[in-house]
N, C-alpha and C. Protein backbone atom coordinates (compact mmCIF):
# COMPACT_ATOMS: atom_id res chain seq x y z
N MET A 1 3.36 5.22 -22.37
CA MET A 1 3.63 6.75 -21.68
C MET A 1 4.33 6.36 -20.49
N GLY A 2 5.20 7.23 -20.29
CA GLY A 2 6.46 7.28 -19.16
C GLY A 2 6.10 7.65 -18.05
N ARG A 3 6.75 7.63 -17.02
CA ARG A 3 6.41 8.33 -15.49
C ARG A 3 7.61 9.26 -15.09
N PRO A 4 7.33 10.35 -14.72
CA PRO A 4 8.26 11.13 -14.44
C PRO A 4 9.27 10.92 -13.10
N ILE A 5 10.28 10.99 -13.14
CA ILE A 5 11.27 10.75 -11.70
C ILE A 5 11.44 12.19 -11.28
N VAL A 6 11.10 12.40 -10.13
CA VAL A 6 11.37 13.35 -9.63
C VAL A 6 12.47 13.63 -8.82
N THR A 7 13.21 14.15 -8.59
CA THR A 7 14.48 14.41 -7.54
C THR A 7 13.40 15.16 -6.19
N GLY A 8 14.19 14.46 -5.20
CA GLY A 8 13.32 15.23 -3.94
C GLY A 8 14.69 15.48 -3.00
N TYR A 9 15.47 16.09 -3.48
CA TYR A 9 16.68 16.55 -2.53
C TYR A 9 16.25 18.33 -2.73
N ASN A 10 15.42 18.70 -3.00
CA ASN A 10 15.32 20.27 -3.06
C ASN A 10 14.10 20.46 -2.45
N TRP A 11 13.45 19.53 -2.19
CA TRP A 11 11.94 19.66 -1.59
C TRP A 11 11.69 19.73 0.02
N ILE A 12 10.59 20.17 0.66
CA ILE A 12 10.37 20.85 1.53
C ILE A 12 10.65 19.91 2.66
N LEU A 13 10.22 18.47 2.17
CA LEU A 13 10.41 17.19 3.03
C LEU A 13 11.39 16.72 3.22
N THR A 14 12.33 17.11 2.33
CA THR A 14 13.82 16.48 2.27
C THR A 14 14.27 16.05 3.57
N PRO A 15 14.73 16.84 4.61
CA PRO A 15 15.05 16.53 5.70
C PRO A 15 14.27 15.62 6.64
N ALA A 16 12.83 15.34 6.51
CA ALA A 16 12.37 14.62 7.21
C ALA A 16 12.55 12.85 6.48
N SER A 17 12.53 13.28 4.97
CA SER A 17 12.82 11.97 4.11
C SER A 17 14.33 11.23 4.77
N PHE A 18 15.21 12.16 4.93
CA PHE A 18 16.58 11.55 5.41
C PHE A 18 16.63 11.31 6.71
N PHE A 19 15.75 11.57 7.56
CA PHE A 19 15.60 11.36 9.15
C PHE A 19 14.92 9.77 9.02
N VAL A 20 14.00 9.96 8.70
CA VAL A 20 13.08 8.41 8.44
C VAL A 20 13.97 7.57 7.93
N GLY A 21 14.86 7.67 6.49
CA GLY A 21 15.60 6.70 6.25
C GLY A 21 16.38 6.13 6.97
N HIS A 22 17.40 7.10 7.36
CA HIS A 22 18.11 6.92 8.43
C HIS A 22 17.82 5.93 9.55
N GLN A 23 16.68 6.14 9.84
CA GLN A 23 16.24 5.09 11.58
C GLN A 23 15.42 4.00 10.57
N LEU A 24 15.05 3.86 9.68
CA LEU A 24 14.67 2.72 9.16
C LEU A 24 15.52 1.78 8.56
N LYS A 25 17.03 2.41 8.19
CA LYS A 25 18.09 1.59 7.84
C LYS A 25 18.38 0.38 9.10
N THR A 26 18.13 0.64 10.15
CA THR A 26 18.12 0.10 11.43
C THR A 26 17.38 -1.08 11.51
N PHE A 27 16.28 -1.24 10.40
CA PHE A 27 15.68 -2.22 10.53
C PHE A 27 16.86 -3.49 9.39
N TYR A 28 17.40 -2.83 8.46
CA TYR A 28 18.34 -3.98 7.68
C TYR A 28 18.69 -4.93 8.77
N SER A 29 19.34 -4.52 9.73
CA SER A 29 20.32 -5.93 10.63
C SER A 29 18.89 -7.30 10.93
N LYS A 30 17.99 -6.59 10.58
CA LYS A 30 16.86 -7.71 10.81
C LYS A 30 16.42 -9.08 9.52
N PHE A 31 17.00 -8.53 8.55
CA PHE A 31 16.87 -9.25 7.62
C PHE A 31 18.49 -9.37 6.95
N GLU A 32 18.35 -10.73 6.90
CA GLU A 32 19.78 -11.39 6.34
C GLU A 32 19.79 -11.39 4.55
N ASN A 33 19.03 -10.85 4.05
CA ASN A 33 18.99 -10.87 2.56
C ASN A 33 19.29 -9.35 2.13
N ILE A 34 19.29 -8.45 2.89
CA ILE A 34 19.78 -6.98 2.71
C ILE A 34 21.35 -6.59 2.85
N LEU A 35 21.64 -5.75 2.21
CA LEU A 35 22.90 -5.88 2.07
C LEU A 35 22.92 -4.06 2.30
N ASN A 36 24.00 -3.34 2.90
CA ASN A 36 24.12 -2.01 3.10
C ASN A 36 24.45 -1.32 1.80
N ASP A 37 25.15 -1.80 1.19
CA ASP A 37 25.68 -0.84 0.06
C ASP A 37 26.66 -1.86 -0.71
N SER A 38 26.68 -1.49 -2.01
CA SER A 38 27.31 -2.14 -3.10
C SER A 38 28.91 -2.77 -2.62
N LEU A 39 29.85 -2.05 -1.53
CA LEU A 39 30.68 -2.44 -1.05
C LEU A 39 30.46 -3.91 -0.09
N SER A 40 29.42 -3.64 0.49
CA SER A 40 29.04 -5.03 1.12
C SER A 40 28.77 -6.20 0.35
N LEU A 41 28.54 -5.75 -0.52
CA LEU A 41 28.30 -6.88 -1.90
C LEU A 41 29.93 -7.78 -2.38
N VAL A 42 30.82 -6.54 -2.67
CA VAL A 42 32.12 -6.79 -2.83
C VAL A 42 32.66 -7.90 -1.93
N LYS A 43 32.91 -7.31 -0.53
CA LYS A 43 33.07 -7.79 0.78
C LYS A 43 32.50 -9.28 0.69
N LEU A 44 31.35 -9.27 0.69
CA LEU A 44 30.96 -10.86 1.17
C LEU A 44 31.37 -11.65 0.11
N LEU A 45 31.25 -11.13 -1.32
CA LEU A 45 31.78 -12.15 -2.50
C LEU A 45 33.26 -12.37 -2.53
N GLY A 46 34.03 -11.54 -2.00
CA GLY A 46 35.35 -11.91 -1.80
C GLY A 46 35.52 -13.14 -0.75
N LYS A 47 34.98 -12.86 0.21
CA LYS A 47 35.24 -14.43 1.14
C LYS A 47 34.30 -15.39 0.75
N THR A 48 33.76 -15.45 -0.48
CA THR A 48 32.30 -16.57 -0.39
C THR A 48 33.11 -17.47 -1.54
N LYS A 49 33.10 -18.70 -1.34
CA LYS A 49 33.92 -19.63 -2.28
C LYS A 49 32.52 -20.01 -3.19
N ILE A 50 32.61 -19.64 -4.57
CA ILE A 50 31.28 -19.80 -5.34
C ILE A 50 31.78 -21.30 -6.47
N ASP A 51 31.07 -22.28 -6.06
CA ASP A 51 31.46 -23.47 -7.02
C ASP A 51 30.93 -23.24 -8.28
N ASN A 52 31.48 -24.00 -9.48
CA ASN A 52 31.18 -23.67 -10.75
C ASN A 52 29.47 -24.45 -11.03
N ASP A 53 29.21 -24.78 -9.99
CA ASP A 53 27.70 -25.43 -10.20
C ASP A 53 26.54 -24.32 -9.85
N TYR A 54 27.07 -23.22 -9.34
CA TYR A 54 26.00 -22.02 -8.96
C TYR A 54 26.24 -20.96 -9.95
N PHE A 55 25.01 -20.34 -10.18
CA PHE A 55 24.87 -19.20 -10.70
C PHE A 55 24.95 -17.95 -9.91
N LEU A 56 25.54 -16.65 -10.64
CA LEU A 56 25.13 -15.25 -9.91
C LEU A 56 24.35 -14.82 -10.63
N PHE A 57 23.23 -14.24 -10.27
CA PHE A 57 22.41 -13.40 -11.28
C PHE A 57 21.73 -12.14 -10.54
N LYS A 58 21.25 -11.40 -11.07
CA LYS A 58 20.46 -9.94 -10.56
C LYS A 58 19.28 -9.93 -11.17
N VAL A 59 18.58 -9.33 -10.31
CA VAL A 59 17.27 -9.08 -10.57
C VAL A 59 16.48 -7.61 -10.95
N ASP A 60 15.86 -7.23 -11.76
CA ASP A 60 15.73 -5.60 -12.11
C ASP A 60 14.33 -5.72 -12.40
N LEU A 61 13.67 -5.05 -10.90
CA LEU A 61 11.97 -5.09 -11.10
C LEU A 61 11.48 -4.04 -11.81
N GLN A 62 11.13 -4.15 -12.89
CA GLN A 62 10.29 -3.01 -13.62
C GLN A 62 9.22 -2.31 -12.68
N ASN A 63 9.30 -0.51 -12.55
CA ASN A 63 8.28 0.05 -11.94
C ASN A 63 8.26 -0.41 -10.56
N LEU A 64 9.33 -0.92 -10.07
CA LEU A 64 9.05 -1.46 -8.57
C LEU A 64 8.49 -0.17 -7.33
N TYR A 65 9.11 1.13 -7.46
CA TYR A 65 8.68 1.87 -6.80
C TYR A 65 7.03 2.20 -6.57
N SER A 66 6.52 2.41 -7.91
CA SER A 66 5.38 2.62 -8.45
C SER A 66 4.47 1.75 -7.96
N ASN A 67 5.04 0.82 -7.94
CA ASN A 67 4.17 -0.51 -7.50
C ASN A 67 4.33 -0.82 -5.99
N ILE A 68 4.89 -0.24 -5.39
CA ILE A 68 4.64 -0.53 -4.19
C ILE A 68 3.69 0.36 -3.31
N SER A 69 2.40 -0.13 -2.78
CA SER A 69 1.56 0.52 -2.45
C SER A 69 1.90 1.47 -1.24
N VAL A 70 1.70 2.62 -1.09
CA VAL A 70 1.89 3.03 0.09
C VAL A 70 1.25 2.54 1.36
N LYS A 71 -0.23 2.38 1.22
CA LYS A 71 -0.58 1.79 2.51
C LYS A 71 0.23 0.38 2.95
N ASP A 72 0.08 -0.28 1.86
CA ASP A 72 0.89 -1.51 2.31
C ASP A 72 2.39 -1.42 2.96
N ALA A 73 2.97 -0.32 2.14
CA ALA A 73 4.51 0.08 2.74
C ALA A 73 4.33 0.35 4.22
N LEU A 74 3.40 1.14 4.45
CA LEU A 74 2.90 1.77 5.90
C LEU A 74 2.59 0.59 6.96
N GLU A 75 1.61 -0.38 6.56
CA GLU A 75 1.38 -1.44 7.39
C GLU A 75 2.57 -2.34 8.03
N LEU A 76 3.46 -2.56 6.59
CA LEU A 76 4.49 -3.34 6.94
C LEU A 76 5.21 -2.70 7.95
N LEU A 77 5.81 -1.42 7.90
CA LEU A 77 6.63 -0.99 8.87
C LEU A 77 5.91 -0.82 10.30
N LYS A 78 4.72 -0.40 10.34
CA LYS A 78 3.99 -0.64 11.79
C LYS A 78 4.10 -1.64 12.29
N ARG A 79 4.18 -2.84 11.81
CA ARG A 79 4.27 -3.85 12.19
C ARG A 79 5.37 -4.47 12.74
N LEU A 80 6.61 -3.59 11.87
CA LEU A 80 8.23 -3.96 11.96
C LEU A 80 8.26 -3.52 13.29
N PHE A 81 7.62 -1.90 13.34
CA PHE A 81 7.84 -1.37 14.68
C PHE A 81 7.57 -1.86 15.69
N PHE A 82 6.21 -2.49 15.86
CA PHE A 82 5.67 -3.24 16.65
C PHE A 82 6.50 -4.31 17.28
N LYS A 83 7.06 -4.77 16.25
CA LYS A 83 7.64 -6.50 16.45
C LYS A 83 9.23 -5.71 17.32
N TYR A 84 9.90 -4.66 16.56
CA TYR A 84 10.93 -4.35 17.26
C TYR A 84 10.64 -2.89 18.47
N GLN A 85 9.75 -3.29 19.24
CA GLN A 85 9.87 -1.88 19.57
C GLN A 85 10.97 -1.37 20.69
N LYS A 86 11.83 -1.70 20.59
CA LYS A 86 13.19 -1.22 21.41
C LYS A 86 14.04 -0.64 20.58
N VAL A 87 13.91 -1.10 19.13
CA VAL A 87 15.08 -0.97 18.26
C VAL A 87 14.91 0.60 17.96
N ILE A 88 13.84 1.27 17.91
CA ILE A 88 13.57 2.56 17.31
C ILE A 88 13.03 3.23 18.05
N PRO A 89 13.58 4.29 19.11
CA PRO A 89 12.70 5.25 19.62
C PRO A 89 11.98 5.93 19.03
N ASN A 90 10.89 6.53 19.70
CA ASN A 90 10.14 7.55 18.80
C ASN A 90 9.56 6.95 17.49
N ALA A 91 9.00 5.54 17.59
CA ALA A 91 8.63 5.09 16.65
C ALA A 91 7.39 5.75 15.95
N HIS A 92 6.57 6.25 16.89
CA HIS A 92 5.41 6.83 16.56
C HIS A 92 5.54 8.55 15.47
N LEU A 93 6.64 9.01 16.28
CA LEU A 93 6.84 10.08 15.36
C LEU A 93 7.57 9.67 13.85
N ILE A 94 8.25 8.92 13.65
CA ILE A 94 9.02 8.24 12.18
C ILE A 94 7.79 8.04 11.49
N ILE A 95 7.00 7.43 12.18
CA ILE A 95 5.79 6.59 11.18
C ILE A 95 4.66 7.86 10.45
N GLU A 96 4.85 8.70 11.37
CA GLU A 96 3.88 9.81 11.03
C GLU A 96 4.62 10.82 9.98
N LEU A 97 5.92 10.80 10.32
CA LEU A 97 6.55 11.62 9.07
C LEU A 97 6.74 11.01 7.79
N MET A 98 6.73 9.58 8.17
CA MET A 98 6.99 8.49 6.79
C MET A 98 5.54 8.81 6.03
N GLU A 99 4.36 8.82 6.93
CA GLU A 99 3.14 9.08 5.91
C GLU A 99 3.21 10.36 5.46
N VAL A 100 3.63 11.21 6.14
CA VAL A 100 3.66 12.80 5.21
C VAL A 100 4.78 12.60 3.89
N VAL A 101 5.65 12.02 4.38
CA VAL A 101 6.55 11.98 3.06
C VAL A 101 6.06 11.36 1.94
N LEU A 102 5.49 10.17 2.15
CA LEU A 102 4.81 9.11 1.01
C LEU A 102 3.55 9.76 0.44
N ASN A 103 3.09 10.60 1.51
CA ASN A 103 1.74 11.10 0.90
C ASN A 103 1.66 12.26 0.39
N SER A 104 2.66 12.96 0.22
CA SER A 104 2.86 14.24 -0.25
C SER A 104 3.91 14.57 -1.20
N ALA A 105 3.82 13.78 -2.23
CA ALA A 105 4.63 13.75 -3.26
C ALA A 105 3.97 14.52 -4.46
N VAL A 106 4.67 16.02 -4.79
CA VAL A 106 4.23 16.92 -5.30
C VAL A 106 5.32 17.27 -6.06
N MET A 107 4.85 17.11 -7.63
CA MET A 107 5.82 17.82 -8.68
C MET A 107 5.36 18.76 -9.33
N GLU A 108 5.55 19.64 -10.02
CA GLU A 108 5.49 20.69 -11.18
C GLU A 108 5.95 20.39 -12.62
N PHE A 109 5.33 20.39 -13.40
CA PHE A 109 5.18 20.32 -14.75
C PHE A 109 4.81 21.42 -15.63
N GLN A 110 5.36 22.29 -16.08
CA GLN A 110 4.86 23.31 -17.35
C GLN A 110 3.98 24.06 -16.30
N LYS A 111 4.31 24.52 -15.18
CA LYS A 111 3.38 25.33 -14.46
C LYS A 111 2.25 24.75 -13.57
N VAL A 112 1.80 23.43 -13.60
CA VAL A 112 1.07 22.82 -13.26
C VAL A 112 1.72 21.86 -12.06
N PHE A 113 0.74 21.87 -11.09
CA PHE A 113 1.30 21.04 -10.06
C PHE A 113 0.69 19.62 -10.05
N TYR A 114 1.39 18.44 -9.86
CA TYR A 114 0.82 17.19 -9.75
C TYR A 114 1.08 16.52 -8.37
N ARG A 115 0.30 15.57 -7.81
CA ARG A 115 0.49 14.88 -6.60
C ARG A 115 0.36 13.48 -7.11
N GLN A 116 1.78 12.75 -6.73
CA GLN A 116 1.75 11.15 -6.75
C GLN A 116 0.71 10.48 -6.16
N ILE A 117 -0.28 9.74 -6.71
CA ILE A 117 -0.98 8.87 -6.02
C ILE A 117 -0.69 7.45 -6.09
N LEU A 118 -0.09 6.91 -6.86
CA LEU A 118 0.67 5.27 -7.01
C LEU A 118 2.15 5.27 -6.50
N GLY A 119 1.82 4.57 -5.57
CA GLY A 119 3.67 4.22 -5.32
C GLY A 119 4.01 5.09 -4.62
N ILE A 120 5.60 4.92 -4.11
CA ILE A 120 6.60 5.48 -3.32
C ILE A 120 7.06 6.50 -4.52
N VAL A 121 7.36 7.69 -3.63
CA VAL A 121 8.25 8.49 -4.89
C VAL A 121 9.51 7.98 -4.97
N MET A 122 10.21 8.21 -6.13
CA MET A 122 11.65 7.58 -6.07
C MET A 122 12.94 8.78 -5.62
N GLY A 123 12.17 9.80 -6.07
CA GLY A 123 13.33 10.47 -5.69
C GLY A 123 13.44 11.43 -4.12
N THR A 124 13.20 10.50 -3.47
CA THR A 124 13.38 10.81 -1.97
C THR A 124 14.49 9.82 -1.37
N ASN A 125 15.15 10.13 -0.34
CA ASN A 125 15.97 9.33 0.18
C ASN A 125 15.19 7.86 0.81
N LEU A 126 14.43 8.26 1.20
CA LEU A 126 13.39 7.15 1.98
C LEU A 126 13.08 6.03 1.07
N ALA A 127 13.02 6.40 -0.34
CA ALA A 127 12.34 5.45 -1.20
C ALA A 127 13.31 4.10 -1.29
N PRO A 128 14.53 4.15 -1.75
CA PRO A 128 15.15 3.16 -1.66
C PRO A 128 15.56 1.85 -0.32
N ILE A 129 15.15 2.83 0.59
CA ILE A 129 15.64 1.62 1.75
C ILE A 129 14.16 1.29 2.23
N LEU A 130 13.11 1.87 2.18
CA LEU A 130 11.46 1.61 2.22
C LEU A 130 11.50 0.31 1.11
N ALA A 131 11.88 0.35 -0.14
CA ALA A 131 11.77 -0.34 -0.93
C ALA A 131 12.83 -1.92 -0.46
N ASN A 132 14.18 -1.55 -0.38
CA ASN A 132 14.84 -3.04 0.23
C ASN A 132 14.12 -3.44 1.44
N ILE A 133 13.16 -2.99 2.03
CA ILE A 133 12.85 -3.49 3.25
C ILE A 133 11.52 -4.14 2.95
N TYR A 134 10.89 -3.87 2.33
CA TYR A 134 9.51 -4.21 1.70
C TYR A 134 9.83 -5.64 0.68
N MET A 135 10.76 -5.58 -0.13
CA MET A 135 11.28 -6.53 -1.18
C MET A 135 11.80 -7.73 -0.17
N ALA A 136 12.27 -7.46 0.66
CA ALA A 136 13.16 -8.63 1.73
C ALA A 136 12.19 -9.23 2.72
N ARG A 137 11.10 -8.36 3.41
CA ARG A 137 10.21 -8.61 3.94
C ARG A 137 8.98 -9.82 2.41
N LEU A 138 9.07 -9.32 1.51
CA LEU A 138 8.17 -9.96 0.55
C LEU A 138 8.77 -11.71 0.41
N GLU A 139 10.18 -11.17 0.12
CA GLU A 139 11.36 -12.37 -0.20
C GLU A 139 11.01 -13.39 1.00
N GLY A 140 11.26 -12.60 2.21
CA GLY A 140 10.88 -13.97 3.55
C GLY A 140 9.34 -14.69 3.38
N LYS A 141 8.47 -13.75 3.27
CA LYS A 141 7.19 -14.70 3.16
C LYS A 141 7.13 -15.42 1.88
N THR A 142 7.83 -15.46 1.03
CA THR A 142 7.88 -16.39 -0.36
C THR A 142 8.71 -17.50 0.18
N HIS A 143 9.80 -17.50 1.04
CA HIS A 143 10.14 -18.44 1.26
C HIS A 143 9.82 -19.54 2.29
N ASN A 144 8.44 -18.77 3.15
CA ASN A 144 8.02 -19.41 4.25
C ASN A 144 6.96 -20.09 3.57
N HIS A 145 6.35 -19.87 2.14
CA HIS A 145 5.32 -20.69 1.81
C HIS A 145 5.87 -21.60 1.00
N MET A 146 6.97 -22.12 0.64
CA MET A 146 7.74 -22.90 -0.28
C MET A 146 7.75 -24.29 0.43
């Protein structure tokens, strides 16, 4: 059974999602393993010498968004906001808006409304930014335990 991917661009909370996403991108600079966009990767590879002994590969995590717990994501961001208090002003407002966006995922299918209860919503601007930060933090924890 599949899961619907619902666009969040005409949603009542779209402005809040864009605002929170924009604010969260500020944290990208705190992680060396997050690139801002594809162009950043192209520029990085253009000035990097890659020996024949190395391999480049990509990883595609199946069902990533639906497997990121909203509760865990919110806790992670609260810890980051606390750690970098001076980076983002109005942190409490941003966290509250993020909670509303992540906990109010509603879709309509055949005239019936459904609320997403597992994972973060894919069709909102906030989702990829939050997923990047979540995975960067997870990667950092993994490196620390090796």
